[in-house]
Amino acid sequence: MRTPPQVYAPTAAAKEKVIDQFYTDLQRTIDNTARQDVLIVMGDLNAKVGTDAGAWNGVIGQHGIGEENERGERLLNFCSCNNLVITNTQFKQTKLQRK
């Protein structure tokens, strides 16, 4: 059994080129994952995905918080294209639990 990779996205101060490379590398990893494997992308993705579950049906749940930012939109699009779900929006949590 392989140990799944843990990801840490570039911080808000990172240049767009660095962020592009992060998502390119992550996509390459997903593309190289066998279809029969369970795929879990876990880590700190430095994004705010907001609360618009209707617009992002199937990607985020009813318990998002805050305002979507540019990094959040990019993550939402990435997840949508790869049929991924942002699971911490599926369950009601206090803000303290989300940190």
PDB file of N, CA and C in Angstrom:
ATOM      1  N   MET A   1       0.839  -1.176   0.000  1.00  0.00           N
ATOM      2  CA  MET A   1       0.000   0.000   0.000  1.00  0.00           C
ATOM      3  C   MET A   1       0.885   1.241   0.000  1.00  0.00           C
ATOM      4  N   ARG A   2       0.581   2.155  -0.900  1.00  0.00           N
ATOM      5  CA  ARG A   2       1.339   3.396  -0.979  1.00  0.00           C
ATOM      6  C   ARG A   2       0.827   4.402   0.044  1.00  0.00           C
ATOM      7  N   THR A   3       1.724   5.205   0.573  1.00  0.00           N
ATOM      8  CA  THR A   3       1.321   6.298   1.447  1.00  0.00           C
ATOM      9  C   THR A   3       0.838   7.444   0.575  1.00  0.00           C
ATOM     10  N   PRO A   4      -0.379   7.951   0.825  1.00  0.00           N
ATOM     11  CA  PRO A   4      -0.886   9.040  -0.006  1.00  0.00           C
ATOM     12  C   PRO A   4      -0.107  10.327   0.229  1.00  0.00           C
ATOM     13  N   PRO A   5       0.053  11.125  -0.806  1.00  0.00           N
ATOM     14  CA  PRO A   5       0.787  12.378  -0.639  1.00  0.00           C
ATOM     15  C   PRO A   5      -0.053  13.396   0.131  1.00  0.00           C
ATOM     16  N   GLN A   6       0.613  14.235   0.858  1.00  0.00           N
ATOM     17  CA  GLN A   6       0.005  15.353   1.574  1.00  0.00           C
ATOM     18  C   GLN A   6       0.427  16.607   0.829  1.00  0.00           C
ATOM     19  N   VAL A   7      -0.485  17.555   0.630  1.00  0.00           N
ATOM     20  CA  VAL A   7      -0.135  18.746  -0.134  1.00  0.00           C
ATOM     21  C   VAL A   7      -0.194  20.003   0.721  1.00  0.00           C
ATOM     22  N   TYR A   8       0.655  20.935   0.375  1.00  0.00           N
ATOM     23  CA  TYR A   8       0.645  22.262   0.965  1.00  0.00           C
ATOM     24  C   TYR A   8       0.750  23.247  -0.189  1.00  0.00           C
ATOM     25  N   ALA A   9      -0.344  23.928  -0.457  1.00  0.00           N
ATOM     26  CA  ALA A   9      -0.356  24.879  -1.566  1.00  0.00           C
ATOM     27  C   ALA A   9       0.497  26.094  -1.220  1.00  0.00           C
ATOM     28  N   PRO A  10       0.974  26.781  -2.242  1.00  0.00           N
ATOM     29  CA  PRO A  10       1.728  28.012  -1.985  1.00  0.00           C
ATOM     30  C   PRO A  10       0.883  29.015  -1.193  1.00  0.00           C
ATOM     31  N   THR A  11       1.542  29.835  -0.410  1.00  0.00           N
ATOM     32  CA  THR A  11       0.847  30.834   0.402  1.00  0.00           C
ATOM     33  C   THR A  11       0.318  31.972  -0.472  1.00  0.00           C
ATOM     34  N   ALA A  12      -0.436  32.859   0.152  1.00  0.00           N
ATOM     35  CA  ALA A  12      -1.019  33.999  -0.563  1.00  0.00           C
ATOM     36  C   ALA A  12       0.047  34.907  -1.161  1.00  0.00           C
ATOM     37  N   ALA A  13       1.240  34.900  -0.594  1.00  0.00           N
ATOM     38  CA  ALA A  13       2.323  35.751  -1.089  1.00  0.00           C
ATOM     39  C   ALA A  13       3.025  35.171  -2.319  1.00  0.00           C
ATOM     40  N   ALA A  14       2.709  33.932  -2.672  1.00  0.00           N
ATOM     41  CA  ALA A  14       3.398  33.267  -3.793  1.00  0.00           C
ATOM     42  C   ALA A  14       3.012  33.898  -5.132  1.00  0.00           C
ATOM     43  N   LYS A  15       3.950  33.840  -6.055  1.00  0.00           N
ATOM     44  CA  LYS A  15       3.697  34.347  -7.406  1.00  0.00           C
ATOM     45  C   LYS A  15       2.810  33.374  -8.167  1.00  0.00           C
ATOM     46  N   GLU A  16       2.092  33.900  -9.127  1.00  0.00           N
ATOM     47  CA  GLU A  16       1.147  33.099  -9.916  1.00  0.00           C
ATOM     48  C   GLU A  16       1.838  31.914 -10.585  1.00  0.00           C
ATOM     49  N   LYS A  17       3.074  32.101 -11.017  1.00  0.00           N
ATOM     50  CA  LYS A  17       3.833  31.028 -11.656  1.00  0.00           C
ATOM     51  C   LYS A  17       4.012  29.837 -10.710  1.00  0.00           C
ATOM     52  N   VAL A  18       4.250  30.113  -9.443  1.00  0.00           N
ATOM     53  CA  VAL A  18       4.425  29.061  -8.440  1.00  0.00           C
ATOM     54  C   VAL A  18       3.099  28.327  -8.220  1.00  0.00           C
ATOM     55  N   ILE A  19       2.020  29.066  -8.171  1.00  0.00           N
ATOM     56  CA  ILE A  19       0.692  28.470  -7.993  1.00  0.00           C
ATOM     57  C   ILE A  19       0.338  27.608  -9.204  1.00  0.00           C
ATOM     58  N   ASP A  20       0.618  28.120 -10.393  1.00  0.00           N
ATOM     59  CA  ASP A  20       0.374  27.335 -11.617  1.00  0.00           C
ATOM     60  C   ASP A  20       1.130  26.012 -11.568  1.00  0.00           C
ATOM     61  N   GLN A  21       2.384  26.056 -11.143  1.00  0.00           N
ATOM     62  CA  GLN A  21       3.198  24.841 -11.077  1.00  0.00           C
ATOM     63  C   GLN A  21       2.634  23.864 -10.046  1.00  0.00           C
ATOM     64  N   PHE A  22       2.164  24.373  -8.918  1.00  0.00           N
ATOM     65  CA  PHE A  22       1.550  23.520  -7.896  1.00  0.00           C
ATOM     66  C   PHE A  22       0.371  22.752  -8.490  1.00  0.00           C
ATOM     67  N   TYR A  23      -0.539  23.455  -9.162  1.00  0.00           N
ATOM     68  CA  TYR A  23      -1.716  22.794  -9.730  1.00  0.00           C
ATOM     69  C   TYR A  23      -1.340  21.865 -10.887  1.00  0.00           C
ATOM     70  N   THR A  24      -0.314  22.211 -11.657  1.00  0.00           N
ATOM     71  CA  THR A  24       0.165  21.316 -12.712  1.00  0.00           C
ATOM     72  C   THR A  24       0.693  20.019 -12.106  1.00  0.00           C
ATOM     73  N   ASP A  25       1.491  20.131 -11.053  1.00  0.00           N
ATOM     74  CA  ASP A  25       2.035  18.945 -10.380  1.00  0.00           C
ATOM     75  C   ASP A  25       0.931  18.106  -9.747  1.00  0.00           C
ATOM     76  N   LEU A  26      -0.038  18.772  -9.127  1.00  0.00           N
ATOM     77  CA  LEU A  26      -1.144  18.051  -8.510  1.00  0.00           C
ATOM     78  C   LEU A  26      -1.969  17.330  -9.569  1.00  0.00           C
ATOM     79  N   GLN A  27      -2.216  17.984 -10.702  1.00  0.00           N
ATOM     80  CA  GLN A  27      -2.970  17.343 -11.777  1.00  0.00           C
ATOM     81  C   GLN A  27      -2.221  16.140 -12.324  1.00  0.00           C
ATOM     82  N   ARG A  28      -0.923  16.264 -12.464  1.00  0.00           N
ATOM     83  CA  ARG A  28      -0.100  15.157 -12.949  1.00  0.00           C
ATOM     84  C   ARG A  28      -0.209  13.961 -11.988  1.00  0.00           C
ATOM     85  N   THR A  29      -0.181  14.239 -10.698  1.00  0.00           N
ATOM     86  CA  THR A  29      -0.314  13.174  -9.704  1.00  0.00           C
ATOM     87  C   THR A  29      -1.673  12.498  -9.817  1.00  0.00           C
ATOM     88  N   ILE A  30      -2.716  13.285  -9.963  1.00  0.00           N
ATOM     89  CA  ILE A  30      -4.065  12.727 -10.118  1.00  0.00           C
ATOM     90  C   ILE A  30      -4.153  11.906 -11.397  1.00  0.00           C
ATOM     91  N   ASP A  31      -3.610  12.431 -12.478  1.00  0.00           N
ATOM     92  CA  ASP A  31      -3.652  11.723 -13.765  1.00  0.00           C
ATOM     93  C   ASP A  31      -2.910  10.391 -13.704  1.00  0.00           C
ATOM     94  N   ASN A  32      -1.892  10.311 -12.854  1.00  0.00           N
ATOM     95  CA  ASN A  32      -1.101   9.089 -12.732  1.00  0.00           C
ATOM     96  C   ASN A  32      -1.626   8.127 -11.667  1.00  0.00           C
ATOM     97  N   THR A  33      -2.757   8.468 -11.063  1.00  0.00           N
ATOM     98  CA  THR A  33      -3.376   7.609 -10.061  1.00  0.00           C
ATOM     99  C   THR A  33      -4.296   6.623 -10.771  1.00  0.00           C
ATOM    100  N   ALA A  34      -4.143   5.356 -10.473  1.00  0.00           N
ATOM    101  CA  ALA A  34      -4.977   4.329 -11.108  1.00  0.00           C
ATOM    102  C   ALA A  34      -6.449   4.578 -10.792  1.00  0.00           C
ATOM    103  N   ARG A  35      -7.310   4.383 -11.770  1.00  0.00           N
ATOM    104  CA  ARG A  35      -8.746   4.640 -11.621  1.00  0.00           C
ATOM    105  C   ARG A  35      -9.374   3.834 -10.493  1.00  0.00           C
ATOM    106  N   GLN A  36      -8.858   2.641 -10.237  1.00  0.00           N
ATOM    107  CA  GLN A  36      -9.447   1.801  -9.193  1.00  0.00           C
ATOM    108  C   GLN A  36      -8.996   2.220  -7.792  1.00  0.00           C
ATOM    109  N   ASP A  37      -7.989   3.095  -7.689  1.00  0.00           N
ATOM    110  CA  ASP A  37      -7.519   3.582  -6.395  1.00  0.00           C
ATOM    111  C   ASP A  37      -8.492   4.617  -5.831  1.00  0.00           C
ATOM    112  N   VAL A  38      -8.541   4.696  -4.523  1.00  0.00           N
ATOM    113  CA  VAL A  38      -9.289   5.758  -3.857  1.00  0.00           C
ATOM    114  C   VAL A  38      -8.382   6.980  -3.838  1.00  0.00           C
ATOM    115  N   LEU A  39      -8.900   8.100  -4.299  1.00  0.00           N
ATOM    116  CA  LEU A  39      -8.099   9.323  -4.383  1.00  0.00           C
ATOM    117  C   LEU A  39      -8.536  10.296  -3.291  1.00  0.00           C
ATOM    118  N   ILE A  40      -7.605  10.646  -2.434  1.00  0.00           N
ATOM    119  CA  ILE A  40      -7.842  11.648  -1.399  1.00  0.00           C
ATOM    120  C   ILE A  40      -6.723  12.671  -1.503  1.00  0.00           C
ATOM    121  N   VAL A  41      -7.089  13.912  -1.751  1.00  0.00           N
ATOM    122  CA  VAL A  41      -6.124  15.010  -1.748  1.00  0.00           C
ATOM    123  C   VAL A  41      -6.328  15.709  -0.407  1.00  0.00           C
ATOM    124  N   MET A  42      -5.301  15.698   0.406  1.00  0.00           N
ATOM    125  CA  MET A  42      -5.434  16.210   1.760  1.00  0.00           C
ATOM    126  C   MET A  42      -4.304  17.173   2.044  1.00  0.00           C
ATOM    127  N   GLY A  43      -4.643  18.277   2.667  1.00  0.00           N
ATOM    128  CA  GLY A  43      -3.605  19.217   3.046  1.00  0.00           C
ATOM    129  C   GLY A  43      -4.141  20.621   3.173  1.00  0.00           C
ATOM    130  N   ASP A  44      -3.250  21.568   3.237  1.00  0.00           N
ATOM    131  CA  ASP A  44      -3.599  22.975   3.353  1.00  0.00           C
ATOM    132  C   ASP A  44      -3.512  23.579   1.956  1.00  0.00           C
ATOM    133  N   LEU A  45      -4.668  23.914   1.396  1.00  0.00           N
ATOM    134  CA  LEU A  45      -4.696  24.423   0.025  1.00  0.00           C
ATOM    135  C   LEU A  45      -4.794  25.947  -0.044  1.00  0.00           C
ATOM    136  N   ASN A  46      -4.727  26.613   1.108  1.00  0.00           N
ATOM    137  CA  ASN A  46      -4.677  28.077   1.168  1.00  0.00           C
ATOM    138  C   ASN A  46      -5.728  28.743   0.289  1.00  0.00           C
ATOM    139  N   ALA A  47      -6.989  28.335   0.457  1.00  0.00           N
ATOM    140  CA  ALA A  47      -8.076  28.866  -0.352  1.00  0.00           C
ATOM    141  C   ALA A  47      -9.322  29.045   0.497  1.00  0.00           C
ATOM    142  N   LYS A  48     -10.140  30.021   0.136  1.00  0.00           N
ATOM    143  CA  LYS A  48     -11.440  30.224   0.769  1.00  0.00           C
ATOM    144  C   LYS A  48     -12.497  29.961  -0.297  1.00  0.00           C
ATOM    145  N   VAL A  49     -13.291  28.919  -0.084  1.00  0.00           N
ATOM    146  CA  VAL A  49     -14.240  28.495  -1.115  1.00  0.00           C
ATOM    147  C   VAL A  49     -15.635  29.081  -0.938  1.00  0.00           C
ATOM    148  N   GLY A  50     -15.893  29.793   0.126  1.00  0.00           N
ATOM    149  CA  GLY A  50     -17.169  30.468   0.315  1.00  0.00           C
ATOM    150  C   GLY A  50     -18.309  29.529   0.662  1.00  0.00           C
ATOM    151  N   THR A  51     -19.530  29.984   0.371  1.00  0.00           N
ATOM    152  CA  THR A  51     -20.733  29.282   0.817  1.00  0.00           C
ATOM    153  C   THR A  51     -21.720  28.952  -0.299  1.00  0.00           C
ATOM    154  N   ASP A  52     -21.386  29.204  -1.535  1.00  0.00           N
ATOM    155  CA  ASP A  52     -22.343  29.043  -2.635  1.00  0.00           C
ATOM    156  C   ASP A  52     -22.430  27.596  -3.113  1.00  0.00           C
ATOM    157  N   ALA A  53     -23.034  26.755  -2.268  1.00  0.00           N
ATOM    158  CA  ALA A  53     -23.165  25.334  -2.595  1.00  0.00           C
ATOM    159  C   ALA A  53     -24.015  25.121  -3.843  1.00  0.00           C
ATOM    160  N   GLY A  54     -24.937  26.010  -4.102  1.00  0.00           N
ATOM    161  CA  GLY A  54     -25.779  25.883  -5.302  1.00  0.00           C
ATOM    162  C   GLY A  54     -24.979  26.014  -6.584  1.00  0.00           C
ATOM    163  N   ALA A  55     -24.069  26.969  -6.611  1.00  0.00           N
ATOM    164  CA  ALA A  55     -23.236  27.172  -7.799  1.00  0.00           C
ATOM    165  C   ALA A  55     -22.209  26.063  -7.954  1.00  0.00           C
ATOM    166  N   TRP A  56     -21.790  25.487  -6.837  1.00  0.00           N
ATOM    167  CA  TRP A  56     -20.750  24.455  -6.854  1.00  0.00           C
ATOM    168  C   TRP A  56     -21.316  23.129  -6.369  1.00  0.00           C
ATOM    169  N   ASN A  57     -22.499  22.804  -6.842  1.00  0.00           N
ATOM    170  CA  ASN A  57     -23.210  21.590  -6.430  1.00  0.00           C
ATOM    171  C   ASN A  57     -22.332  20.357  -6.616  1.00  0.00           C
ATOM    172  N   GLY A  58     -22.159  19.618  -5.539  1.00  0.00           N
ATOM    173  CA  GLY A  58     -21.337  18.415  -5.586  1.00  0.00           C
ATOM    174  C   GLY A  58     -19.883  18.649  -5.246  1.00  0.00           C
ATOM    175  N   VAL A  59     -19.445  19.902  -5.277  1.00  0.00           N
ATOM    176  CA  VAL A  59     -18.051  20.208  -4.948  1.00  0.00           C
ATOM    177  C   VAL A  59     -17.946  20.679  -3.495  1.00  0.00           C
ATOM    178  N   ILE A  60     -18.855  21.575  -3.092  1.00  0.00           N
ATOM    179  CA  ILE A  60     -18.888  21.997  -1.692  1.00  0.00           C
ATOM    180  C   ILE A  60     -20.267  21.699  -1.120  1.00  0.00           C
ATOM    181  N   GLY A  61     -20.300  21.585   0.202  1.00  0.00           N
ATOM    182  CA  GLY A  61     -21.549  21.311   0.899  1.00  0.00           C
ATOM    183  C   GLY A  61     -22.190  22.586   1.426  1.00  0.00           C
ATOM    184  N   GLN A  62     -23.132  22.412   2.302  1.00  0.00           N
ATOM    185  CA  GLN A  62     -23.911  23.518   2.851  1.00  0.00           C
ATOM    186  C   GLN A  62     -23.208  24.262   3.982  1.00  0.00           C
ATOM    187  N   HIS A  63     -22.002  23.863   4.340  1.00  0.00           N
ATOM    188  CA  HIS A  63     -21.363  24.439   5.521  1.00  0.00           C
ATOM    189  C   HIS A  63     -20.037  25.130   5.234  1.00  0.00           C
ATOM    190  N   GLY A  64     -19.929  25.743   4.074  1.00  0.00           N
ATOM    191  CA  GLY A  64     -18.760  26.571   3.810  1.00  0.00           C
ATOM    192  C   GLY A  64     -18.853  27.834   4.642  1.00  0.00           C
ATOM    193  N   ILE A  65     -17.744  28.537   4.788  1.00  0.00           N
ATOM    194  CA  ILE A  65     -17.758  29.799   5.539  1.00  0.00           C
ATOM    195  C   ILE A  65     -17.005  30.867   4.764  1.00  0.00           C
ATOM    196  N   GLY A  66     -17.323  32.109   5.066  1.00  0.00           N
ATOM    197  CA  GLY A  66     -16.595  33.238   4.503  1.00  0.00           C
ATOM    198  C   GLY A  66     -16.896  33.503   3.048  1.00  0.00           C
ATOM    199  N   GLU A  67     -16.106  34.375   2.486  1.00  0.00           N
ATOM    200  CA  GLU A  67     -16.232  34.787   1.094  1.00  0.00           C
ATOM    201  C   GLU A  67     -15.222  34.034   0.234  1.00  0.00           C
ATOM    202  N   GLU A  68     -15.687  33.572  -0.912  1.00  0.00           N
ATOM    203  CA  GLU A  68     -14.793  32.905  -1.861  1.00  0.00           C
ATOM    204  C   GLU A  68     -13.742  33.902  -2.332  1.00  0.00           C
ATOM    205  N   ASN A  69     -12.483  33.462  -2.384  1.00  0.00           N
ATOM    206  CA  ASN A  69     -11.434  34.320  -2.927  1.00  0.00           C
ATOM    207  C   ASN A  69     -10.915  33.715  -4.238  1.00  0.00           C
ATOM    208  N   GLU A  70      -9.960  34.398  -4.855  1.00  0.00           N
ATOM    209  CA  GLU A  70      -9.423  33.953  -6.144  1.00  0.00           C
ATOM    210  C   GLU A  70      -8.830  32.542  -6.044  1.00  0.00           C
ATOM    211  N   ARG A  71      -8.105  32.281  -4.964  1.00  0.00           N
ATOM    212  CA  ARG A  71      -7.541  30.939  -4.755  1.00  0.00           C
ATOM    213  C   ARG A  71      -8.656  29.914  -4.567  1.00  0.00           C
ATOM    214  N   GLY A  72      -9.730  30.337  -3.902  1.00  0.00           N
ATOM    215  CA  GLY A  72     -10.868  29.446  -3.698  1.00  0.00           C
ATOM    216  C   GLY A  72     -11.539  29.088  -5.005  1.00  0.00           C
ATOM    217  N   GLU A  73     -11.701  30.075  -5.878  1.00  0.00           N
ATOM    218  CA  GLU A  73     -12.309  29.805  -7.188  1.00  0.00           C
ATOM    219  C   GLU A  73     -11.450  28.832  -7.992  1.00  0.00           C
ATOM    220  N   ARG A  74     -10.170  29.024  -7.917  1.00  0.00           N
ATOM    221  CA  ARG A  74      -9.274  28.115  -8.642  1.00  0.00           C
ATOM    222  C   ARG A  74      -9.386  26.693  -8.094  1.00  0.00           C
ATOM    223  N   LEU A  75      -9.421  26.552  -6.765  1.00  0.00           N
ATOM    224  CA  LEU A  75      -9.583  25.239  -6.153  1.00  0.00           C
ATOM    225  C   LEU A  75     -10.928  24.625  -6.512  1.00  0.00           C
ATOM    226  N   LEU A  76     -11.985  25.418  -6.489  1.00  0.00           N
ATOM    227  CA  LEU A  76     -13.318  24.918  -6.849  1.00  0.00           C
ATOM    228  C   LEU A  76     -13.343  24.410  -8.290  1.00  0.00           C
ATOM    229  N   ASN A  77     -12.767  25.153  -9.195  1.00  0.00           N
ATOM    230  CA  ASN A  77     -12.702  24.713 -10.596  1.00  0.00           C
ATOM    231  C   ASN A  77     -11.883  23.430 -10.733  1.00  0.00           C
ATOM    232  N   PHE A  78     -10.761  23.376 -10.037  1.00  0.00           N
ATOM    233  CA  PHE A  78      -9.907  22.188 -10.073  1.00  0.00           C
ATOM    234  C   PHE A  78     -10.672  20.969  -9.569  1.00  0.00           C
ATOM    235  N   CYS A  79     -11.360  21.138  -8.445  1.00  0.00           N
ATOM    236  CA  CYS A  79     -12.130  20.028  -7.874  1.00  0.00           C
ATOM    237  C   CYS A  79     -13.258  19.615  -8.810  1.00  0.00           C
ATOM    238  N   SER A  80     -13.928  20.571  -9.391  1.00  0.00           N
ATOM    239  CA  SER A  80     -15.021  20.276 -10.317  1.00  0.00           C
ATOM    240  C   SER A  80     -14.523  19.468 -11.513  1.00  0.00           C
ATOM    241  N   CYS A  81     -13.403  19.862 -12.076  1.00  0.00           N
ATOM    242  CA  CYS A  81     -12.839  19.158 -13.234  1.00  0.00           C
ATOM    243  C   CYS A  81     -12.376  17.744 -12.902  1.00  0.00           C
ATOM    244  N   ASN A  82     -12.047  17.506 -11.632  1.00  0.00           N
ATOM    245  CA  ASN A  82     -11.523  16.202 -11.224  1.00  0.00           C
ATOM    246  C   ASN A  82     -12.513  15.391 -10.390  1.00  0.00           C
ATOM    247  N   ASN A  83     -13.765  15.846 -10.353  1.00  0.00           N
ATOM    248  CA  ASN A  83     -14.810  15.167  -9.577  1.00  0.00           C
ATOM    249  C   ASN A  83     -14.406  14.970  -8.116  1.00  0.00           C
ATOM    250  N   LEU A  84     -13.836  16.010  -7.521  1.00  0.00           N
ATOM    251  CA  LEU A  84     -13.438  15.984  -6.115  1.00  0.00           C
ATOM    252  C   LEU A  84     -14.425  16.791  -5.280  1.00  0.00           C
ATOM    253  N   VAL A  85     -14.546  16.431  -4.008  1.00  0.00           N
ATOM    254  CA  VAL A  85     -15.441  17.107  -3.071  1.00  0.00           C
ATOM    255  C   VAL A  85     -14.605  17.711  -1.952  1.00  0.00           C
ATOM    256  N   ILE A  86     -14.898  18.947  -1.587  1.00  0.00           N
ATOM    257  CA  ILE A  86     -14.219  19.593  -0.469  1.00  0.00           C
ATOM    258  C   ILE A  86     -14.997  19.205   0.788  1.00  0.00           C
ATOM    259  N   THR A  87     -14.480  18.216   1.475  1.00  0.00           N
ATOM    260  CA  THR A  87     -15.268  17.560   2.524  1.00  0.00           C
ATOM    261  C   THR A  87     -15.462  18.387   3.785  1.00  0.00           C
ATOM    262  N   ASN A  88     -14.570  19.330   4.090  1.00  0.00           N
ATOM    263  CA  ASN A  88     -14.791  20.088   5.319  1.00  0.00           C
ATOM    264  C   ASN A  88     -15.966  21.057   5.189  1.00  0.00           C
ATOM    265  N   THR A  89     -16.581  21.150   4.022  1.00  0.00           N
ATOM    266  CA  THR A  89     -17.796  21.956   3.854  1.00  0.00           C
ATOM    267  C   THR A  89     -19.056  21.097   3.971  1.00  0.00           C
ATOM    268  N   GLN A  90     -18.888  19.822   4.171  1.00  0.00           N
ATOM    269  CA  GLN A  90     -20.023  18.893   4.252  1.00  0.00           C
ATOM    270  C   GLN A  90     -20.593  18.792   5.661  1.00  0.00           C
ATOM    271  N   PHE A  91     -19.835  19.216   6.661  1.00  0.00           N
ATOM    272  CA  PHE A  91     -20.222  19.040   8.055  1.00  0.00           C
ATOM    273  C   PHE A  91     -20.169  20.365   8.792  1.00  0.00           C
ATOM    274  N   LYS A  92     -21.152  20.605   9.642  1.00  0.00           N
ATOM    275  CA  LYS A  92     -21.169  21.821  10.433  1.00  0.00           C
ATOM    276  C   LYS A  92     -20.072  21.754  11.483  1.00  0.00           C
ATOM    277  N   GLN A  93     -19.247  22.800  11.516  1.00  0.00           N
ATOM    278  CA  GLN A  93     -18.140  22.887  12.460  1.00  0.00           C
ATOM    279  C   GLN A  93     -18.058  24.311  12.990  1.00  0.00           C
ATOM    280  N   THR A  94     -17.510  24.476  14.166  1.00  0.00           N
ATOM    281  CA  THR A  94     -17.257  25.829  14.644  1.00  0.00           C
ATOM    282  C   THR A  94     -16.018  26.367  13.929  1.00  0.00           C
ATOM    283  N   LYS A  95     -15.864  27.664  13.936  1.00  0.00           N
ATOM    284  CA  LYS A  95     -14.669  28.247  13.305  1.00  0.00           C
ATOM    285  C   LYS A  95     -13.395  27.744  13.964  1.00  0.00           C
ATOM    286  N   LEU A  96     -13.447  27.520  15.269  1.00  0.00           N
ATOM    287  CA  LEU A  96     -12.280  27.009  15.980  1.00  0.00           C
ATOM    288  C   LEU A  96     -11.902  25.617  15.477  1.00  0.00           C
ATOM    289  N   GLN A  97     -12.890  24.764  15.188  1.00  0.00           N
ATOM    290  CA  GLN A  97     -12.614  23.417  14.699  1.00  0.00           C
ATOM    291  C   GLN A  97     -12.000  23.440  13.303  1.00  0.00           C
ATOM    292  N   ARG A  98     -12.261  24.469  12.527  1.00  0.00           N
ATOM    293  CA  ARG A  98     -11.763  24.549  11.150  1.00  0.00           C
ATOM    294  C   ARG A  98     -10.303  24.975  11.080  1.00  0.00           C
ATOM    295  N   LYS A  99      -9.775  25.538  12.130  1.00  0.00           N
ATOM    296  CA  LYS A  99      -8.382  26.020  12.099  1.00  0.00           C
ATOM    297  C   LYS A  99      -7.420  24.872  12.116  1.00  0.00           C
TER     298      LYS A  99
END
